[in-house]
Amino acid sequence: MSARARTALVVAVLAAVAGVVVVGVAALTVEETEAPASAVATATPRKGFPPLQLSLGIRDDAEAADLRRAAALYEQGKRRQAGAVFARHDSLEAKLGSAFAAWPASEDRIEQLGALYPRSSLVQLHVGLSRFWAGLAGAETAWREARDVEPDTPYAVRAGDLLHPEFAPGLPGFIVSFDYRIEGETPADQLQRLAADRTLRGRLLYGIALQGLGRPVSARRAFEQARELDPNDVDALVADAVGRYDKGNPSASFSRLGPLSRRFPHAATVRFHLGLLLLWQRDVKEATRQLELARSAEPGSKIALEAKRFLDAVRNAGTP
C-alpha cells in the first residue's frame, strides 16, 4: 500500500469515528497533506480560497454564533456574505475572516496581521495558510510559530498537522474504560464541574474534555495529576502516556505504553491505545493487530467494543 493510500485509509477511519478520537479542525485534502512540507516554498498559487480554520470551542455568545455562521458561508463559497458577517465584529477571528473572504486581494492584510500579532497561534496558522495558498515561501515558518507560541490551542494542533503530513490529522484522544455521564446544563457548566473535580475519575474526564477542545497541554497536565493520584491505575497510566503524544517525538508515548503492555498483559486499554497511536503513525497492519488483541483481551468491555468500531472502520475504509 502506498503512503498516499495509507493516508487516505487512516483519514477515512478517523472520520468514521470522529466523535471519539479526532481532535482539532478539518484536514486539508490527502494530496495537500501528502506533499512534503519543503515543497510549499516552490508551489504555484492555488485556485480558489485558502481554508479558514476557526475554533470557537464551547463559546455560545452572540459573536461566536455570527462567526460560526460566517465560517459556514465561507466554506460554502459564499465569500461576500461571509465577509459581511465578519465585518460586524472586531475580534482577531473576525479580522482574519474578513481578510480571507477578500482573498487574494487581502494577502498584504494577512501579512500585516501576522506582524501585529506574532504571538497569536490563530494568526500565525492563517499567515502560513495564506502563504501556502499564494505559493510563497515561509508557510512552514509561520506554522512553526503557531505550534510553538501557544501550544495549548487547536491552532497549534492544526499547525502540527501541516508540519507533519506523514501523520494522521489531529491528535489521538484517550478513551476511558468506564462508562460515565457528565453533569451540567451547558458544555460550559460541564467543563466547570470537571475542572473542580479533583478525584482520579474527575481528572481523567477533565483531560478527555480538554483534548476535545484542542488543549493538549492542559489535558496532559490533567492526566499527569490522575497518575499521581494512583500510580497503579491502568487508566491513569495509559491516559498519561497518550497525553504525551507529540508528532515531533512519538516515543514520548510509545516508550510508556510498551512497558504497560507487559505490566498489564490482559488490559484491553493498553492494547487499544497502542493500536490507536499506531494508526496515527499510519502503521495500519500493526494497529489492526493491537486492536484485535484489545478486543479479545476483555470481550464485551467498553474498550473491546471501541476496538471493534475501529476494526470495522479499517475494514470498511479498505473495501474498494
Protein backbone atom coordinates (compact mmCIF):
# COMPACT_ATOMS: atom_id res chain seq x y z
CA MET A 1 0.00 0.00 0.00
CA SER A 2 1.42 3.41 -0.97
CA ALA A 3 1.91 6.21 1.54
CA ARG A 4 -0.92 8.15 -0.08
CA ALA A 5 -3.25 5.15 0.09
CA ARG A 6 -2.39 4.63 3.76
CA THR A 7 -3.10 8.30 4.43
CA ALA A 8 -6.48 8.10 2.72
CA LEU A 9 -7.38 4.94 4.61
CA VAL A 10 -6.37 6.32 8.01
CA VAL A 11 -8.19 9.61 7.43
CA ALA A 12 -11.29 7.65 6.42
CA VAL A 13 -11.06 5.52 9.56
CA LEU A 14 -10.69 8.54 11.81
CA ALA A 15 -13.55 10.29 10.06
CA ALA A 16 -15.74 7.25 10.71
CA VAL A 17 -15.09 7.54 14.44
CA ALA A 18 -14.55 11.31 14.56
CA GLY A 19 -16.82 11.82 17.53
CA VAL A 20 -14.48 9.67 19.59
CA VAL A 21 -10.90 10.49 18.78
CA VAL A 22 -10.34 13.27 16.29
CA VAL A 23 -9.33 16.50 17.95
CA GLY A 24 -8.96 19.74 16.03
CA VAL A 25 -10.17 21.18 12.76
CA ALA A 26 -10.73 19.70 9.33
CA ALA A 27 -7.74 18.44 7.38
CA LEU A 28 -6.60 19.64 4.01
CA THR A 29 -7.01 17.12 1.23
CA VAL A 30 -4.90 13.98 1.17
CA GLU A 31 -2.94 15.34 -1.79
CA GLU A 32 -2.08 18.53 0.11
CA THR A 33 -1.03 16.85 3.33
CA GLU A 34 0.90 14.20 1.39
CA ALA A 35 3.15 16.79 -0.26
CA PRO A 36 6.48 17.29 1.51
CA ALA A 37 6.49 20.44 3.62
CA SER A 38 9.62 21.61 1.78
CA ALA A 39 7.60 21.74 -1.42
CA VAL A 40 5.43 24.52 -0.01
CA ALA A 41 8.01 27.22 -0.78
CA THR A 42 8.07 26.41 -4.51
CA ALA A 43 4.37 25.68 -5.01
CA THR A 44 2.43 27.71 -7.56
CA PRO A 45 -0.60 29.71 -6.41
CA ARG A 46 -3.60 27.51 -5.79
CA LYS A 47 -7.04 28.00 -7.19
CA GLY A 48 -9.90 29.12 -5.02
CA PHE A 49 -9.63 30.31 -1.44
CA PRO A 50 -7.47 29.03 1.43
CA PRO A 51 -9.31 27.17 4.20
CA LEU A 52 -10.41 29.24 7.18
CA GLN A 53 -9.73 27.44 10.45
CA LEU A 54 -11.72 28.99 13.29
CA SER A 55 -12.13 27.02 16.51
CA LEU A 56 -14.62 28.55 18.93
CA GLY A 57 -14.83 25.69 21.40
CA ILE A 58 -17.79 25.93 23.77
CA ARG A 59 -18.43 29.63 23.23
CA ASP A 60 -22.13 30.37 22.94
CA ASP A 61 -22.13 34.19 22.83
CA ALA A 62 -23.66 36.22 20.01
CA GLU A 63 -20.33 36.88 18.30
CA ALA A 64 -19.46 33.18 18.31
CA ALA A 65 -22.80 32.45 16.63
CA ASP A 66 -22.02 35.04 13.96
CA LEU A 67 -18.52 33.71 13.44
CA ARG A 68 -19.79 30.15 13.04
CA ARG A 69 -22.39 31.31 10.53
CA ALA A 70 -19.83 33.34 8.60
CA ALA A 71 -17.37 30.43 8.58
CA ALA A 72 -20.11 28.16 7.22
CA LEU A 73 -20.87 30.68 4.47
CA TYR A 74 -17.17 30.88 3.65
CA GLU A 75 -16.97 27.09 3.43
CA GLN A 76 -19.97 27.09 1.07
CA GLY A 77 -18.22 29.54 -1.25
CA LYS A 78 -20.42 32.48 -0.27
CA ARG A 79 -17.47 34.76 0.42
CA ARG A 80 -19.25 38.09 0.09
CA GLN A 81 -21.96 37.12 2.57
CA ALA A 82 -19.35 35.71 4.92
CA GLY A 83 -17.32 38.91 4.73
CA ALA A 84 -20.37 40.99 5.61
CA VAL A 85 -20.94 38.96 8.78
CA PHE A 86 -17.28 39.01 9.77
CA ALA A 87 -17.24 42.81 9.32
CA ARG A 88 -19.69 43.21 12.21
CA HIS A 89 -17.01 42.29 14.74
CA ASP A 90 -13.50 43.39 15.65
CA SER A 91 -12.01 40.23 17.17
CA LEU A 92 -8.95 38.56 15.68
CA GLU A 93 -11.16 35.76 14.37
CA ALA A 94 -13.37 38.33 12.62
CA LYS A 95 -10.41 40.26 11.22
CA LEU A 96 -8.94 37.09 9.75
CA GLY A 97 -12.32 36.02 8.43
CA SER A 98 -12.78 39.37 6.68
CA ALA A 99 -9.30 39.15 5.19
CA PHE A 100 -9.76 35.60 3.94
CA ALA A 101 -13.16 36.48 2.46
CA ALA A 102 -11.43 39.18 0.38
CA TRP A 103 -8.74 36.79 -0.93
CA PRO A 104 -6.50 37.20 -2.92
CA ALA A 105 -6.57 41.00 -2.65
CA SER A 106 -6.00 40.67 1.09
CA GLU A 107 -2.62 38.87 1.10
CA ASP A 108 -0.88 42.01 2.39
CA ARG A 109 -3.55 42.46 5.08
CA ILE A 110 -2.97 38.92 6.33
CA GLU A 111 0.78 39.52 6.47
CA GLN A 112 0.10 42.75 8.37
CA LEU A 113 -1.95 40.84 10.93
CA GLY A 114 0.92 38.38 11.25
CA ALA A 115 3.32 41.22 12.04
CA LEU A 116 0.91 42.79 14.53
CA TYR A 117 0.19 39.51 16.35
CA PRO A 118 3.37 37.42 16.25
CA ARG A 119 2.40 35.60 19.48
CA SER A 120 -1.04 34.52 18.27
CA SER A 121 -1.29 30.88 17.21
CA LEU A 122 -4.54 31.68 15.43
CA VAL A 123 -2.95 34.42 13.33
CA GLN A 124 0.29 32.59 12.56
CA LEU A 125 -1.57 29.49 11.40
CA HIS A 126 -3.52 31.61 8.92
CA VAL A 127 -0.44 33.51 7.77
CA GLY A 128 1.01 30.13 6.87
CA LEU A 129 -2.16 29.08 5.07
CA SER A 130 -2.16 32.35 3.13
CA ARG A 131 1.46 31.88 2.07
CA PHE A 132 0.83 28.24 1.18
CA TRP A 133 -2.15 29.16 -0.99
CA ALA A 134 -0.28 32.01 -2.66
CA GLY A 135 2.72 29.80 -3.38
CA LEU A 136 5.01 31.99 -1.28
CA ALA A 137 7.92 30.95 0.90
CA GLY A 138 7.57 30.99 4.66
CA ALA A 139 4.49 28.89 5.31
CA GLU A 140 6.47 26.43 7.43
CA THR A 141 7.97 29.26 9.46
CA ALA A 142 4.53 30.61 10.31
CA TRP A 143 3.23 27.15 11.18
CA ARG A 144 6.15 26.53 13.50
CA GLU A 145 5.35 29.82 15.22
CA ALA A 146 1.70 28.80 15.51
CA ARG A 147 2.73 25.49 17.05
CA ASP A 148 5.24 26.97 19.49
CA VAL A 149 3.85 30.29 20.70
CA GLU A 150 0.55 28.91 22.03
CA PRO A 151 0.89 25.12 22.14
CA ASP A 152 -2.29 24.67 24.20
CA THR A 153 -4.62 25.64 21.36
CA PRO A 154 -6.36 23.85 18.50
CA TYR A 155 -4.47 26.16 16.13
CA ALA A 156 -1.17 24.76 17.36
CA VAL A 157 -2.54 21.25 16.83
CA ARG A 158 -3.54 22.15 13.29
CA ALA A 159 -0.14 23.67 12.60
CA GLY A 160 1.40 20.40 13.77
CA ASP A 161 -0.71 18.58 11.20
CA LEU A 162 0.63 20.76 8.41
CA LEU A 163 4.22 20.41 9.59
CA HIS A 164 3.89 16.63 9.87
CA PRO A 165 1.78 15.43 6.92
CA GLU A 166 3.19 11.93 7.42
CA PHE A 167 0.86 11.51 10.43
CA ALA A 168 -2.90 11.36 10.64
CA PRO A 169 -4.52 14.75 11.32
CA GLY A 170 -5.22 15.87 14.87
CA LEU A 171 -4.03 14.09 17.99
CA PRO A 172 -5.11 10.72 19.39
CA GLY A 173 -7.57 11.01 22.24
CA PHE A 174 -7.69 8.89 25.36
CA ILE A 175 -10.78 6.71 25.80
CA VAL A 176 -11.55 5.75 29.38
CA SER A 177 -12.59 2.17 30.16
CA PHE A 178 -15.56 3.05 32.37
CA ASP A 179 -18.94 4.48 31.41
CA TYR A 180 -19.74 7.97 32.56
CA ARG A 181 -22.23 10.79 32.34
CA ILE A 182 -21.15 14.40 32.78
CA GLU A 183 -23.49 16.61 34.77
CA GLY A 184 -24.28 20.19 33.76
CA GLU A 185 -26.84 22.03 31.70
CA THR A 186 -24.40 23.50 29.18
CA PRO A 187 -20.94 22.49 27.93
CA ALA A 188 -19.50 25.38 29.95
CA ASP A 189 -21.23 24.10 33.10
CA GLN A 190 -19.94 20.60 32.44
CA LEU A 191 -16.38 21.80 31.93
CA GLN A 192 -16.54 23.85 35.12
CA ARG A 193 -17.74 20.84 37.11
CA LEU A 194 -14.95 18.67 35.72
CA ALA A 195 -12.33 21.32 36.41
CA ALA A 196 -13.36 21.33 40.07
CA ASP A 197 -13.37 17.52 40.40
CA ARG A 198 -10.00 16.53 41.86
CA THR A 199 -10.71 12.80 42.03
CA LEU A 200 -8.99 10.27 39.80
CA ARG A 201 -12.15 9.87 37.76
CA GLY A 202 -12.59 13.64 37.54
CA ARG A 203 -9.02 14.23 36.36
CA LEU A 204 -9.40 11.63 33.61
CA LEU A 205 -12.69 13.07 32.39
CA TYR A 206 -11.37 16.61 32.56
CA GLY A 207 -8.37 15.59 30.46
CA ILE A 208 -10.68 13.99 27.89
CA ALA A 209 -12.77 17.18 27.74
CA LEU A 210 -9.67 19.30 27.27
CA GLN A 211 -8.46 17.05 24.46
CA GLY A 212 -11.83 17.56 22.79
CA LEU A 213 -11.30 21.32 22.96
CA GLY A 214 -7.88 21.11 21.34
CA ARG A 215 -5.93 21.89 24.52
CA PRO A 216 -3.30 19.14 24.62
CA VAL A 217 -1.00 20.76 27.17
CA SER A 218 -3.78 21.20 29.74
CA ALA A 219 -5.06 17.70 29.01
CA ARG A 220 -1.59 16.27 29.58
CA ARG A 221 -1.45 18.07 32.93
CA ALA A 222 -4.81 16.62 34.00
CA PHE A 223 -3.71 13.11 33.05
CA GLU A 224 -0.46 13.54 34.96
CA GLN A 225 -2.50 14.53 38.01
CA ALA A 226 -4.60 11.39 37.60
CA ARG A 227 -1.45 9.25 37.50
CA GLU A 228 -0.13 10.96 40.63
CA LEU A 229 -3.39 10.19 42.45
CA ASP A 230 -3.00 6.47 41.72
CA PRO A 231 0.27 5.33 40.13
CA ASN A 232 -1.10 1.79 39.81
CA ASP A 233 -4.33 2.59 37.98
CA VAL A 234 -4.10 1.34 34.41
CA ASP A 235 -6.48 4.01 33.03
CA ALA A 236 -4.41 6.77 34.64
CA LEU A 237 -1.15 5.33 33.34
CA VAL A 238 -2.48 4.88 29.81
CA ALA A 239 -4.02 8.36 29.80
CA ASP A 240 -0.70 9.82 30.91
CA ALA A 241 1.07 8.00 28.07
CA VAL A 242 -1.45 9.02 25.40
CA GLY A 243 -1.50 12.62 26.63
CA ARG A 244 2.23 12.86 25.95
CA TYR A 245 1.84 12.07 22.25
CA ASP A 246 3.85 14.53 20.18
CA LYS A 247 4.27 14.30 16.42
CA GLY A 248 7.80 15.61 16.86
CA ASN A 249 8.56 12.90 19.43
CA PRO A 250 6.12 9.95 19.29
CA SER A 251 8.39 7.91 21.54
CA ALA A 252 7.22 10.02 24.47
CA SER A 253 4.03 7.94 24.35
CA PHE A 254 5.26 4.64 22.93
CA SER A 255 8.05 4.36 25.49
CA ARG A 256 5.40 4.30 28.22
CA LEU A 257 2.74 2.20 26.53
CA GLY A 258 5.18 -0.57 25.59
CA PRO A 259 6.15 -1.37 29.20
CA LEU A 260 2.49 -1.12 30.25
CA SER A 261 1.62 -3.93 27.85
CA ARG A 262 3.96 -6.17 29.87
CA ARG A 263 2.84 -4.85 33.25
CA PHE A 264 -0.86 -5.25 32.37
CA PRO A 265 -0.87 -8.06 29.76
CA HIS A 266 -4.64 -8.57 29.98
CA ALA A 267 -5.71 -4.90 29.98
CA ALA A 268 -7.60 -4.09 26.80
CA THR A 269 -6.99 -0.37 27.21
CA VAL A 270 -3.22 -0.74 26.78
CA ARG A 271 -3.53 -2.69 23.52
CA PHE A 272 -6.32 -0.43 22.27
CA HIS A 273 -4.33 2.76 22.73
CA LEU A 274 -1.22 1.18 21.24
CA GLY A 275 -3.34 0.43 18.20
CA LEU A 276 -4.71 3.95 18.18
CA LEU A 277 -1.27 5.54 18.25
CA LEU A 278 -0.02 3.16 15.56
CA LEU A 279 -2.96 4.21 13.43
CA TRP A 280 -1.80 7.80 13.80
CA GLN A 281 1.60 6.64 12.56
CA ARG A 282 -0.20 5.08 9.56
CA ASP A 283 1.03 1.62 10.54
CA VAL A 284 -2.31 0.05 9.69
CA LYS A 285 -1.14 -3.56 9.85
CA GLU A 286 0.31 -3.40 13.38
CA ALA A 287 -2.52 -1.12 14.54
CA THR A 288 -5.02 -3.75 13.41
CA ARG A 289 -3.14 -6.45 15.32
CA GLN A 290 -3.16 -4.43 18.52
CA LEU A 291 -6.86 -3.61 18.14
CA GLU A 292 -7.60 -7.31 17.69
CA LEU A 293 -5.68 -8.04 20.90
CA ALA A 294 -7.68 -5.35 22.69
CA ARG A 295 -10.95 -6.85 21.51
CA SER A 296 -10.02 -10.34 22.67
CA ALA A 297 -8.42 -9.27 25.97
CA GLU A 298 -11.69 -8.23 27.63
CA PRO A 299 -14.60 -9.45 25.47
CA GLY A 300 -17.73 -7.37 25.89
CA SER A 301 -15.98 -4.49 27.67
CA LYS A 302 -16.32 -0.88 26.60
CA ILE A 303 -12.77 -0.86 25.22
CA ALA A 304 -13.36 -4.10 23.32
CA LEU A 305 -16.40 -2.51 21.69
CA GLU A 306 -14.36 0.57 20.79
CA ALA A 307 -11.69 -1.66 19.29
CA LYS A 308 -14.35 -3.36 17.18
CA ARG A 309 -15.55 0.02 15.93
CA PHE A 310 -12.05 0.87 14.75
CA LEU A 311 -11.52 -2.54 13.20
CA ASP A 312 -14.81 -2.26 11.34
CA ALA A 313 -13.84 1.21 10.15
CA VAL A 314 -10.46 -0.06 8.92
CA ARG A 315 -12.12 -2.88 7.01
CA ASN A 316 -14.79 -0.63 5.53
CA ALA A 317 -12.25 2.01 4.53
CA GLY A 318 -10.11 -0.63 2.85
CA THR A 319 -13.02 -2.02 0.85
CA PRO A 320 -13.00 -0.80 -2.78
